[in-house]
C-alpha atoms as a PDB file:
ATOM      1  CA  UNK A   1      14.361 -82.584 122.297  1.00  0.00           C
ATOM      2  CA  UNK A   2      16.439 -79.489 122.923  1.00  0.00           C
ATOM      3  CA  UNK A   3      18.906 -80.670 120.272  1.00  0.00           C
ATOM      4  CA  UNK A   4      16.181 -80.874 117.656  1.00  0.00           C
ATOM      5  CA  UNK A   5      14.954 -77.381 118.543  1.00  0.00           C
ATOM      6  CA  UNK A   6      18.500 -76.057 118.324  1.00  0.00           C
ATOM      7  CA  UNK A   7      18.994 -77.633 114.879  1.00  0.00           C
ATOM      8  CA  UNK A   8      15.671 -76.190 113.725  1.00  0.00           C
ATOM      9  CA  UNK A   9      16.708 -72.724 114.860  1.00  0.00           C
ATOM     10  CA  UNK A  10      20.047 -73.058 113.089  1.00  0.00           C
ATOM     11  CA  UNK A  11      18.364 -74.152 109.863  1.00  0.00           C
ATOM     12  CA  UNK A  12      15.956 -71.218 110.141  1.00  0.00           C
ATOM     13  CA  UNK A  13      18.813 -68.775 110.632  1.00  0.00           C
ATOM     14  CA  UNK A  14      20.672 -70.298 107.663  1.00  0.00           C
ATOM     15  CA  UNK A  15      17.561 -70.000 105.487  1.00  0.00           C
ATOM     16  CA  UNK A  16      17.114 -66.362 106.491  1.00  0.00           C
ATOM     17  CA  UNK A  17      20.753 -65.635 105.656  1.00  0.00           C
ATOM     18  CA  UNK A  18      20.413 -67.256 102.223  1.00  0.00           C
ATOM     19  CA  UNK A  19      17.251 -65.297 101.406  1.00  0.00           C
ATOM     20  CA  UNK A  20      18.778 -62.038 102.661  1.00  0.00           C
ATOM     21  CA  UNK A  21      21.944 -62.624 100.645  1.00  0.00           C
ATOM     22  CA  UNK A  22      19.847 -63.225  97.525  1.00  0.00           C
ATOM     23  CA  UNK A  23      17.991 -59.912  97.823  1.00  0.00           C
ATOM     24  CA  UNK A  24      21.118 -57.979  98.748  1.00  0.00           C
ATOM     25  CA  UNK A  25      23.013 -59.441  95.800  1.00  0.00           C
ATOM     26  CA  UNK A  26      20.229 -58.683  93.331  1.00  0.00           C
ATOM     27  CA  UNK A  27      19.813 -55.204  94.774  1.00  0.00           C
ATOM     28  CA  UNK A  28      23.479 -54.572  94.185  1.00  0.00           C
ATOM     29  CA  UNK A  29      23.130 -55.701  90.600  1.00  0.00           C
ATOM     30  CA  UNK A  30      20.141 -53.440  90.121  1.00  0.00           C
ATOM     31  CA  UNK A  31      22.021 -50.457  91.472  1.00  0.00           C
ATOM     32  CA  UNK A  32      24.919 -51.322  89.239  1.00  0.00           C
ATOM     33  CA  UNK A  33      22.641 -51.153  86.183  1.00  0.00           C
ATOM     34  CA  UNK A  34      20.891 -47.983  87.327  1.00  0.00           C
ATOM     35  CA  UNK A  35      22.618 -44.795  86.178  1.00  0.00           C
ATOM     36  CA  UNK A  36      22.086 -41.033  85.991  1.00  0.00           C
ATOM     37  CA  UNK A  37      20.845 -39.919  82.558  1.00  0.00           C
ATOM     38  CA  UNK A  38      22.109 -36.919  80.593  1.00  0.00           C
ATOM     39  CA  UNK A  39      20.410 -35.987  77.280  1.00  0.00           C
ATOM     40  CA  UNK A  40      22.190 -33.734  74.786  1.00  0.00           C
ATOM     41  CA  UNK A  41      19.081 -32.514  72.897  1.00  0.00           C
ATOM     42  CA  UNK A  42      18.023 -29.180  74.429  1.00  0.00           C
ATOM     43  CA  UNK A  43      14.514 -29.306  72.920  1.00  0.00           C
ATOM     44  CA  UNK A  44      13.354 -32.265  75.000  1.00  0.00           C
ATOM     45  CA  UNK A  45      11.539 -31.479  78.232  1.00  0.00           C
ATOM     46  CA  UNK A  46      12.363 -32.576  81.763  1.00  0.00           C
ATOM     47  CA  UNK A  47       9.209 -34.708  81.616  1.00  0.00           C
ATOM     48  CA  UNK A  48      10.605 -36.665  78.668  1.00  0.00           C
ATOM     49  CA  UNK A  49      14.005 -37.097  80.310  1.00  0.00           C
ATOM     50  CA  UNK A  50      12.495 -38.259  83.606  1.00  0.00           C
ATOM     51  CA  UNK A  51      10.423 -40.843  81.726  1.00  0.00           C
ATOM     52  CA  UNK A  52      13.567 -42.569  80.435  1.00  0.00           C
ATOM     53  CA  UNK A  53      14.521 -45.811  82.191  1.00  0.00           C
ATOM     54  CA  UNK A  54      17.950 -45.612  83.804  1.00  0.00           C
ATOM     55  CA  UNK A  55      18.608 -49.249  83.027  1.00  0.00           C
ATOM     56  CA  UNK A  56      20.618 -49.548  79.797  1.00  0.00           C
ATOM     57  CA  UNK A  57      18.874 -52.802  78.925  1.00  0.00           C
ATOM     58  CA  UNK A  58      15.503 -51.033  78.760  1.00  0.00           C
ATOM     59  CA  UNK A  59      16.601 -47.699  77.303  1.00  0.00           C
ATOM     60  CA  UNK A  60      17.032 -48.786  73.681  1.00  0.00           C
ATOM     61  CA  UNK A  61      13.570 -50.349  73.564  1.00  0.00           C
ATOM     62  CA  UNK A  62      11.990 -47.293  75.189  1.00  0.00           C
ATOM     63  CA  UNK A  63      13.529 -44.736  72.810  1.00  0.00           C
ATOM     64  CA  UNK A  64      12.570 -46.817  69.784  1.00  0.00           C
ATOM     65  CA  UNK A  65       8.890 -46.224  70.583  1.00  0.00           C
ATOM     66  CA  UNK A  66       9.101 -42.497  69.767  1.00  0.00           C
ATOM     67  CA  UNK A  67       8.722 -42.074  66.001  1.00  0.00           C
ATOM     68  CA  UNK A  68       9.646 -38.379  66.122  1.00  0.00           C
ATOM     69  CA  UNK A  69      13.196 -39.488  66.996  1.00  0.00           C
ATOM     70  CA  UNK A  70      15.323 -39.682  63.867  1.00  0.00           C
ATOM     71  CA  UNK A  71      18.313 -41.336  65.530  1.00  0.00           C
ATOM     72  CA  UNK A  72      19.889 -41.873  68.930  1.00  0.00           C
ATOM     73  CA  UNK A  73      22.895 -43.450  70.574  1.00  0.00           C
ATOM     74  CA  UNK A  74      24.146 -43.530  74.124  1.00  0.00           C
ATOM     75  CA  UNK A  75      27.439 -43.902  75.930  1.00  0.00           C
ATOM     76  CA  UNK A  76      27.899 -45.530  79.321  1.00  0.00           C
ATOM     77  CA  UNK A  77      30.332 -44.913  82.116  1.00  0.00           C
ATOM     78  CA  UNK A  78      30.364 -46.055  85.715  1.00  0.00           C
ATOM     79  CA  UNK A  79      27.750 -43.607  86.962  1.00  0.00           C
ATOM     80  CA  UNK A  80      25.839 -42.195  83.995  1.00  0.00           C
ATOM     81  CA  UNK A  81      24.275 -42.661  80.569  1.00  0.00           C
ATOM     82  CA  UNK A  82      24.917 -39.897  78.047  1.00  0.00           C
ATOM     83  CA  UNK A  83      22.298 -39.944  75.279  1.00  0.00           C
ATOM     84  CA  UNK A  84      22.532 -38.105  71.973  1.00  0.00           C
ATOM     85  CA  UNK A  85      19.066 -37.783  70.387  1.00  0.00           C
ATOM     86  CA  UNK A  86      18.259 -36.269  66.989  1.00  0.00           C
ATOM     87  CA  UNK A  87      14.611 -35.497  66.242  1.00  0.00           C
ATOM     88  CA  UNK A  88      12.856 -34.703  62.983  1.00  0.00           C
ATOM     89  CA  UNK A  89      12.047 -31.084  62.172  1.00  0.00           C
ATOM     90  CA  UNK A  90       8.693 -29.917  63.505  1.00  0.00           C
ATOM     91  CA  UNK A  91       6.147 -29.040  60.821  1.00  0.00           C
ATOM     92  CA  UNK A  92       3.127 -27.779  62.766  1.00  0.00           C
ATOM     93  CA  UNK A  93       1.586 -27.705  66.232  1.00  0.00           C
ATOM     94  CA  UNK A  94      -1.961 -28.332  67.391  1.00  0.00           C
ATOM     95  CA  UNK A  95      -2.629 -26.269  70.517  1.00  0.00           C
ATOM     96  CA  UNK A  96      -6.127 -27.759  70.858  1.00  0.00           C
ATOM     97  CA  UNK A  97      -4.718 -31.249  71.356  1.00  0.00           C
ATOM     98  CA  UNK A  98      -1.274 -30.287  72.658  1.00  0.00           C
ATOM     99  CA  UNK A  99       0.321 -32.244  69.836  1.00  0.00           C
ATOM    100  CA  UNK A 100       3.127 -31.652  67.337  1.00  0.00           C
ATOM    101  CA  UNK A 101       3.345 -32.832  63.725  1.00  0.00           C
ATOM    102  CA  UNK A 102       6.836 -33.591  62.447  1.00  0.00           C
ATOM    103  CA  UNK A 103       8.277 -33.622  58.928  1.00  0.00           C
ATOM    104  CA  UNK A 104       8.148 -37.418  58.783  1.00  0.00           C
ATOM    105  CA  UNK A 105       4.426 -37.370  59.619  1.00  0.00           C
ATOM    106  CA  UNK A 106       4.902 -38.383  63.257  1.00  0.00           C
ATOM    107  CA  UNK A 107       2.477 -36.928  65.807  1.00  0.00           C
ATOM    108  CA  UNK A 108       3.674 -36.515  69.385  1.00  0.00           C
ATOM    109  CA  UNK A 109       2.519 -35.034  72.674  1.00  0.00           C
ATOM    110  CA  UNK A 110       3.713 -31.498  73.330  1.00  0.00           C
ATOM    111  CA  UNK A 111       4.623 -32.399  76.896  1.00  0.00           C
ATOM    112  CA  UNK A 112       7.777 -34.098  75.636  1.00  0.00           C
ATOM    113  CA  UNK A 113       9.230 -30.773  74.467  1.00  0.00           C
ATOM    114  CA  UNK A 114      10.277 -27.491  76.004  1.00  0.00           C
ATOM    115  CA  UNK A 115       7.973 -24.493  75.661  1.00  0.00           C
ATOM    116  CA  UNK A 116      10.480 -22.489  73.590  1.00  0.00           C
ATOM    117  CA  UNK A 117      10.678 -25.298  71.022  1.00  0.00           C
ATOM    118  CA  UNK A 118       6.876 -25.328  70.720  1.00  0.00           C
ATOM    119  CA  UNK A 119       6.679 -21.536  70.552  1.00  0.00           C
ATOM    120  CA  UNK A 120       9.098 -21.467  67.607  1.00  0.00           C
ATOM    121  CA  UNK A 121       6.865 -23.738  65.485  1.00  0.00           C
ATOM    122  CA  UNK A 122       5.276 -21.216  63.107  1.00  0.00           C
ATOM    123  CA  UNK A 123       2.409 -23.248  61.650  1.00  0.00           C
ATOM    124  CA  UNK A 124      -0.645 -24.084  63.739  1.00  0.00           C
ATOM    125  CA  UNK A 125      -3.019 -26.891  62.832  1.00  0.00           C
ATOM    126  CA  UNK A 126      -6.640 -25.859  63.397  1.00  0.00           C
ATOM    127  CA  UNK A 127      -8.305 -29.289  63.431  1.00  0.00           C
ATOM    128  CA  UNK A 128      -9.905 -30.452  66.661  1.00  0.00           C
ATOM    129  CA  UNK A 129      -8.387 -33.878  66.052  1.00  0.00           C
ATOM    130  CA  UNK A 130      -4.859 -33.725  64.689  1.00  0.00           C
ATOM    131  CA  UNK A 131      -4.969 -35.150  61.147  1.00  0.00           C
ATOM    132  CA  UNK A 132      -2.361 -37.542  59.802  1.00  0.00           C
ATOM    133  CA  UNK A 133      -0.244 -36.021  57.047  1.00  0.00           C
ATOM    134  CA  UNK A 134       2.026 -38.300  55.075  1.00  0.00           C
ATOM    135  CA  UNK A 135       5.650 -37.284  54.806  1.00  0.00           C
ATOM    136  CA  UNK A 136       5.342 -36.620  51.043  1.00  0.00           C
ATOM    137  CA  UNK A 137       2.603 -34.019  51.564  1.00  0.00           C
ATOM    138  CA  UNK A 138       4.653 -32.303  54.256  1.00  0.00           C
ATOM    139  CA  UNK A 139       7.753 -32.431  52.075  1.00  0.00           C
ATOM    140  CA  UNK A 140       5.873 -30.815  49.175  1.00  0.00           C
ATOM    141  CA  UNK A 141       4.514 -28.057  51.412  1.00  0.00           C
ATOM    142  CA  UNK A 142       7.999 -27.412  52.760  1.00  0.00           C
ATOM    143  CA  UNK A 143       9.107 -26.857  49.161  1.00  0.00           C
ATOM    144  CA  UNK A 144       6.837 -23.824  48.906  1.00  0.00           C
ATOM    145  CA  UNK A 145       8.798 -20.621  48.558  1.00  0.00           C
ATOM    146  CA  UNK A 146       6.159 -19.013  50.767  1.00  0.00           C
ATOM    147  CA  UNK A 147       6.243 -21.589  53.570  1.00  0.00           C
ATOM    148  CA  UNK A 148       7.287 -18.868  56.025  1.00  0.00           C
ATOM    149  CA  UNK A 149       4.095 -16.962  55.163  1.00  0.00           C
ATOM    150  CA  UNK A 150       1.883 -19.854  56.264  1.00  0.00           C
ATOM    151  CA  UNK A 151       0.636 -19.526  59.829  1.00  0.00           C
ATOM    152  CA  UNK A 152      -2.280 -21.983  59.930  1.00  0.00           C
ATOM    153  CA  UNK A 153      -3.408 -25.143  58.140  1.00  0.00           C
ATOM    154  CA  UNK A 154      -6.664 -27.078  58.313  1.00  0.00           C
ATOM    155  CA  UNK A 155      -7.794 -30.309  56.688  1.00  0.00           C
ATOM    156  CA  UNK A 156     -11.462 -29.917  55.660  1.00  0.00           C
ATOM    157  CA  UNK A 157     -13.696 -33.010  55.486  1.00  0.00           C
ATOM    158  CA  UNK A 158     -10.627 -35.093  54.698  1.00  0.00           C
ATOM    159  CA  UNK A 159     -10.799 -33.815  51.111  1.00  0.00           C
ATOM    160  CA  UNK A 160      -9.019 -30.454  50.967  1.00  0.00           C
ATOM    161  CA  UNK A 161      -6.333 -28.536  52.791  1.00  0.00           C
ATOM    162  CA  UNK A 162      -6.717 -24.862  53.624  1.00  0.00           C
ATOM    163  CA  UNK A 163      -3.608 -22.833  54.338  1.00  0.00           C
ATOM    164  CA  UNK A 164      -3.829 -19.380  55.908  1.00  0.00           C
ATOM    165  CA  UNK A 165      -1.253 -16.694  55.189  1.00  0.00           C
ATOM    166  CA  UNK A 166       0.095 -14.095  57.586  1.00  0.00           C
ATOM    167  CA  UNK A 167      -2.275 -11.449  56.190  1.00  0.00           C
ATOM    168  CA  UNK A 168      -5.347 -13.639  56.846  1.00  0.00           C
ATOM    169  CA  UNK A 169      -5.992 -14.696  53.253  1.00  0.00           C
ATOM    170  CA  UNK A 170      -6.656 -18.358  52.547  1.00  0.00           C
ATOM    171  CA  UNK A 171      -5.384 -20.703  49.843  1.00  0.00           C
ATOM    172  CA  UNK A 172      -7.605 -23.755  49.297  1.00  0.00           C
ATOM    173  CA  UNK A 173      -5.673 -26.789  48.084  1.00  0.00           C
ATOM    174  CA  UNK A 174      -6.639 -30.354  47.148  1.00  0.00           C
ATOM    175  CA  UNK A 175      -5.833 -33.021  49.710  1.00  0.00           C
ATOM    176  CA  UNK A 176      -3.261 -34.622  47.428  1.00  0.00           C
ATOM    177  CA  UNK A 177      -0.560 -32.026  46.875  1.00  0.00           C
ATOM    178  CA  UNK A 178       1.958 -32.863  44.171  1.00  0.00           C
ATOM    179  CA  UNK A 179       5.043 -31.127  42.855  1.00  0.00           C
ATOM    180  CA  UNK A 180       3.168 -29.741  39.832  1.00  0.00           C
ATOM    181  CA  UNK A 181       0.966 -27.737  42.168  1.00  0.00           C
ATOM    182  CA  UNK A 182       3.909 -26.646  44.298  1.00  0.00           C
ATOM    183  CA  UNK A 183       5.874 -25.537  41.230  1.00  0.00           C
ATOM    184  CA  UNK A 184       2.839 -23.621  39.997  1.00  0.00           C
ATOM    185  CA  UNK A 185       2.491 -21.803  43.321  1.00  0.00           C
ATOM    186  CA  UNK A 186       6.195 -21.036  43.471  1.00  0.00           C
ATOM    187  CA  UNK A 187       5.948 -19.444  40.047  1.00  0.00           C
ATOM    188  CA  UNK A 188       2.640 -17.592  40.268  1.00  0.00           C
ATOM    189  CA  UNK A 189       1.608 -17.124  43.907  1.00  0.00           C
ATOM    190  CA  UNK A 190       3.430 -13.808  44.118  1.00  0.00           C
ATOM    191  CA  UNK A 191       1.357 -12.525  41.188  1.00  0.00           C
ATOM    192  CA  UNK A 192      -1.837 -13.776  42.786  1.00  0.00           C
ATOM    193  CA  UNK A 193      -0.898 -12.018  46.033  1.00  0.00           C
ATOM    194  CA  UNK A 194      -0.773  -8.710  44.160  1.00  0.00           C
ATOM    195  CA  UNK A 195      -4.079  -9.289  42.361  1.00  0.00           C
ATOM    196  CA  UNK A 196      -6.837  -7.055  43.765  1.00  0.00           C
ATOM    197  CA  UNK A 197      -9.343  -9.873  43.133  1.00  0.00           C
ATOM    198  CA  UNK A 198      -7.597 -12.007  45.753  1.00  0.00           C
ATOM    199  CA  UNK A 199      -9.115 -10.523  48.900  1.00  0.00           C
ATOM    200  CA  UNK A 200     -10.322 -13.585  50.835  1.00  0.00           C
ATOM    201  CA  UNK A 201      -9.329 -16.854  49.213  1.00  0.00           C
ATOM    202  CA  UNK A 202      -7.576 -18.473  46.284  1.00  0.00           C
ATOM    203  CA  UNK A 203      -9.313 -21.718  45.293  1.00  0.00           C
ATOM    204  CA  UNK A 204      -7.007 -24.355  43.798  1.00  0.00           C
ATOM    205  CA  UNK A 205      -9.025 -27.406  44.790  1.00  0.00           C
ATOM    206  CA  UNK A 206      -9.623 -28.293  41.153  1.00  0.00           C
ATOM    207  CA  UNK A 207      -6.123 -27.464  40.010  1.00  0.00           C
ATOM    208  CA  UNK A 208      -5.883 -30.812  38.186  1.00  0.00           C
ATOM    209  CA  UNK A 209      -8.687 -29.688  35.843  1.00  0.00           C
ATOM    210  CA  UNK A 210      -7.123 -26.220  35.344  1.00  0.00           C
ATOM    211  CA  UNK A 211      -9.808 -24.535  37.429  1.00  0.00           C
ATOM    212  CA  UNK A 212      -8.707 -21.571  39.570  1.00  0.00           C
ATOM    213  CA  UNK A 213     -10.960 -19.162  41.422  1.00  0.00           C
ATOM    214  CA  UNK A 214     -10.306 -16.241  43.705  1.00  0.00           C
ATOM    215  CA  UNK A 215     -12.418 -13.841  45.706  1.00  0.00           C
END
């Protein structure tokens, strides 16, 4: 009887050792995969960096979810992961929603970026809900010679885009902005700015039908 009890105890001890070895071994592997992360892009916030998984197997999948990232690659050594991240240029910010619109049309939470980066975004979107701008519209607006004079934009009823200049005057544009309109503005907006009739707004919503109004 005592022999059977002794064997049972030995088997129990052996089982405990096997289970303990399994968890210790897997814990060692986990620690081996876990590394300190260093990110080269100075515009990304500590919140964004802390959200990154320190397991190389998960990092690639995680970064691929952020569509404001233009490209990334990382290097590994024994203790750390060094990540080089390039992001698209910021186009506008929405302080009501704490969101940022990028040149490729991506919309992202402001919390992922440092305050100085957000502060340096000149254009503010006034919509309560951040509208989706396609990258072609943003590209055309960026081709305006007077882009630096734009401080606010607002999409109205999903049918027109109002842009506000530094002096408070408004230019009303159609929703679909093409290069013909941009070329027209680049050629004539300076003249319109000097026109005494242009006190409040310049209406180009019906530009396609050669209709222009100002007040």
